[in-house]
C-alpha atoms as a PDB file:
ATOM      1  CA  UNK A   1     -87.116  60.608 -30.500  1.00  0.00           C
ATOM      2  CA  UNK A   2     -87.061  57.233 -28.784  1.00  0.00           C
ATOM      3  CA  UNK A   3     -84.857  54.274 -29.603  1.00  0.00           C
ATOM      4  CA  UNK A   4     -86.189  50.944 -30.832  1.00  0.00           C
ATOM      5  CA  UNK A   5     -84.292  47.817 -29.840  1.00  0.00           C
ATOM      6  CA  UNK A   6     -83.472  44.593 -31.642  1.00  0.00           C
ATOM      7  CA  UNK A   7     -82.949  41.864 -29.043  1.00  0.00           C
ATOM      8  CA  UNK A   8     -80.342  39.184 -29.641  1.00  0.00           C
ATOM      9  CA  UNK A   9     -81.672  35.657 -29.211  1.00  0.00           C
ATOM     10  CA  UNK A  10     -79.748  35.046 -25.979  1.00  0.00           C
ATOM     11  CA  UNK A  11     -81.527  37.864 -24.108  1.00  0.00           C
ATOM     12  CA  UNK A  12     -83.852  36.711 -21.324  1.00  0.00           C
ATOM     13  CA  UNK A  13     -87.520  37.143 -22.261  1.00  0.00           C
ATOM     14  CA  UNK A  14     -88.210  38.943 -18.987  1.00  0.00           C
ATOM     15  CA  UNK A  15     -86.065  41.846 -20.214  1.00  0.00           C
ATOM     16  CA  UNK A  16     -88.062  42.113 -23.423  1.00  0.00           C
ATOM     17  CA  UNK A  17     -91.361  41.878 -21.526  1.00  0.00           C
ATOM     18  CA  UNK A  18     -90.260  44.485 -18.987  1.00  0.00           C
ATOM     19  CA  UNK A  19     -89.372  46.929 -21.747  1.00  0.00           C
ATOM     20  CA  UNK A  20     -92.690  46.390 -23.478  1.00  0.00           C
ATOM     21  CA  UNK A  21     -94.522  47.083 -20.223  1.00  0.00           C
ATOM     22  CA  UNK A  22     -92.744  50.451 -20.324  1.00  0.00           C
ATOM     23  CA  UNK A  23     -93.926  51.078 -23.920  1.00  0.00           C
ATOM     24  CA  UNK A  24     -90.484  50.620 -25.435  1.00  0.00           C
ATOM     25  CA  UNK A  25     -90.474  49.256 -28.975  1.00  0.00           C
ATOM     26  CA  UNK A  26     -88.683  45.912 -29.078  1.00  0.00           C
ATOM     27  CA  UNK A  27     -88.297  43.206 -31.715  1.00  0.00           C
ATOM     28  CA  UNK A  28     -86.572  39.926 -30.910  1.00  0.00           C
ATOM     29  CA  UNK A  29     -84.514  37.787 -33.247  1.00  0.00           C
ATOM     30  CA  UNK A  30     -87.045  35.023 -32.593  1.00  0.00           C
ATOM     31  CA  UNK A  31     -90.036  37.193 -33.588  1.00  0.00           C
ATOM     32  CA  UNK A  32     -88.119  38.206 -36.713  1.00  0.00           C
ATOM     33  CA  UNK A  33     -87.697  34.533 -37.691  1.00  0.00           C
ATOM     34  CA  UNK A  34     -83.895  34.843 -37.557  1.00  0.00           C
ATOM     35  CA  UNK A  35     -83.027  32.245 -34.907  1.00  0.00           C
ATOM     36  CA  UNK A  36     -79.533  30.838 -35.334  1.00  0.00           C
ATOM     37  CA  UNK A  37     -78.124  33.509 -37.633  1.00  0.00           C
ATOM     38  CA  UNK A  38     -74.511  34.537 -37.132  1.00  0.00           C
ATOM     39  CA  UNK A  39     -73.436  37.546 -35.096  1.00  0.00           C
ATOM     40  CA  UNK A  40     -72.568  39.597 -38.202  1.00  0.00           C
ATOM     41  CA  UNK A  41     -76.002  38.784 -39.617  1.00  0.00           C
ATOM     42  CA  UNK A  42     -77.686  39.881 -36.371  1.00  0.00           C
ATOM     43  CA  UNK A  43     -75.897  43.217 -36.513  1.00  0.00           C
ATOM     44  CA  UNK A  44     -76.685  43.530 -40.233  1.00  0.00           C
ATOM     45  CA  UNK A  45     -80.370  42.930 -39.510  1.00  0.00           C
ATOM     46  CA  UNK A  46     -80.427  45.488 -36.685  1.00  0.00           C
ATOM     47  CA  UNK A  47     -78.839  47.966 -39.094  1.00  0.00           C
ATOM     48  CA  UNK A  48     -81.356  47.154 -41.813  1.00  0.00           C
ATOM     49  CA  UNK A  49     -84.196  47.777 -39.332  1.00  0.00           C
ATOM     50  CA  UNK A  50     -82.462  50.883 -37.903  1.00  0.00           C
ATOM     51  CA  UNK A  51     -82.668  49.481 -34.362  1.00  0.00           C
ATOM     52  CA  UNK A  52     -80.086  49.455 -31.615  1.00  0.00           C
ATOM     53  CA  UNK A  53     -79.014  45.905 -30.882  1.00  0.00           C
ATOM     54  CA  UNK A  54     -79.126  44.689 -27.288  1.00  0.00           C
ATOM     55  CA  UNK A  55     -77.026  41.635 -26.566  1.00  0.00           C
ATOM     56  CA  UNK A  56     -75.445  39.703 -23.748  1.00  0.00           C
ATOM     57  CA  UNK A  57     -73.105  37.877 -26.145  1.00  0.00           C
ATOM     58  CA  UNK A  58     -69.398  38.753 -25.879  1.00  0.00           C
ATOM     59  CA  UNK A  59     -68.819  37.845 -29.527  1.00  0.00           C
ATOM     60  CA  UNK A  60     -71.028  40.707 -30.667  1.00  0.00           C
ATOM     61  CA  UNK A  61     -68.711  43.146 -28.885  1.00  0.00           C
ATOM     62  CA  UNK A  62     -65.871  41.942 -31.111  1.00  0.00           C
ATOM     63  CA  UNK A  63     -68.042  42.295 -34.211  1.00  0.00           C
ATOM     64  CA  UNK A  64     -69.073  45.847 -33.255  1.00  0.00           C
ATOM     65  CA  UNK A  65     -65.456  46.804 -32.528  1.00  0.00           C
ATOM     66  CA  UNK A  66     -64.385  45.416 -35.890  1.00  0.00           C
ATOM     67  CA  UNK A  67     -67.028  47.488 -37.652  1.00  0.00           C
ATOM     68  CA  UNK A  68     -66.050  50.619 -35.778  1.00  0.00           C
ATOM     69  CA  UNK A  69     -62.403  50.066 -36.696  1.00  0.00           C
ATOM     70  CA  UNK A  70     -63.389  49.712 -40.363  1.00  0.00           C
ATOM     71  CA  UNK A  71     -65.771  52.724 -40.186  1.00  0.00           C
ATOM     72  CA  UNK A  72     -68.801  50.559 -40.986  1.00  0.00           C
ATOM     73  CA  UNK A  73     -71.931  52.275 -39.700  1.00  0.00           C
ATOM     74  CA  UNK A  74     -74.537  50.573 -37.522  1.00  0.00           C
ATOM     75  CA  UNK A  75     -77.191  52.018 -35.175  1.00  0.00           C
ATOM     76  CA  UNK A  76     -75.441  50.867 -32.020  1.00  0.00           C
ATOM     77  CA  UNK A  77     -74.950  48.020 -29.616  1.00  0.00           C
ATOM     78  CA  UNK A  78     -75.877  47.931 -25.962  1.00  0.00           C
ATOM     79  CA  UNK A  79     -74.180  45.132 -24.068  1.00  0.00           C
ATOM     80  CA  UNK A  80     -74.746  43.777 -20.562  1.00  0.00           C
ATOM     81  CA  UNK A  81     -72.880  40.837 -19.114  1.00  0.00           C
ATOM     82  CA  UNK A  82     -75.453  38.299 -17.847  1.00  0.00           C
ATOM     83  CA  UNK A  83     -73.381  37.347 -14.842  1.00  0.00           C
ATOM     84  CA  UNK A  84     -73.023  40.923 -13.606  1.00  0.00           C
ATOM     85  CA  UNK A  85     -76.295  42.681 -14.345  1.00  0.00           C
ATOM     86  CA  UNK A  86     -79.719  41.680 -13.057  1.00  0.00           C
ATOM     87  CA  UNK A  87     -82.805  41.569 -15.245  1.00  0.00           C
ATOM     88  CA  UNK A  88     -84.274  44.534 -13.374  1.00  0.00           C
ATOM     89  CA  UNK A  89     -81.127  46.587 -13.854  1.00  0.00           C
ATOM     90  CA  UNK A  90     -81.110  45.780 -17.578  1.00  0.00           C
ATOM     91  CA  UNK A  91     -84.705  46.904 -17.926  1.00  0.00           C
ATOM     92  CA  UNK A  92     -84.095  50.155 -16.038  1.00  0.00           C
ATOM     93  CA  UNK A  93     -80.913  50.957 -17.940  1.00  0.00           C
ATOM     94  CA  UNK A  94     -82.452  50.197 -21.337  1.00  0.00           C
ATOM     95  CA  UNK A  95     -85.462  52.319 -20.442  1.00  0.00           C
ATOM     96  CA  UNK A  96     -83.136  55.246 -19.724  1.00  0.00           C
ATOM     97  CA  UNK A  97     -81.321  54.719 -23.032  1.00  0.00           C
ATOM     98  CA  UNK A  98     -84.598  54.525 -24.962  1.00  0.00           C
END
């Protein structure tokens, strides 16, 4: 079973394109016509679609932690800090996860 990703709107398009070149199923917030929705709404949408959320937004870490603390289920969150991880590394790591 492979993992499908829901990409937060702040994720560089090259990461999404690189994953697609590797046949990994990806849907972006932009493609889903959800630009500008709040972090809780992004995580709600990923849950609704049963996709793991990939984000580079620190605020989503707090939202995920809050949900874990309250035992609210969601498919998962993969986080990479933009300033510390290259695009290529993100693609490789996400490919391994998928």
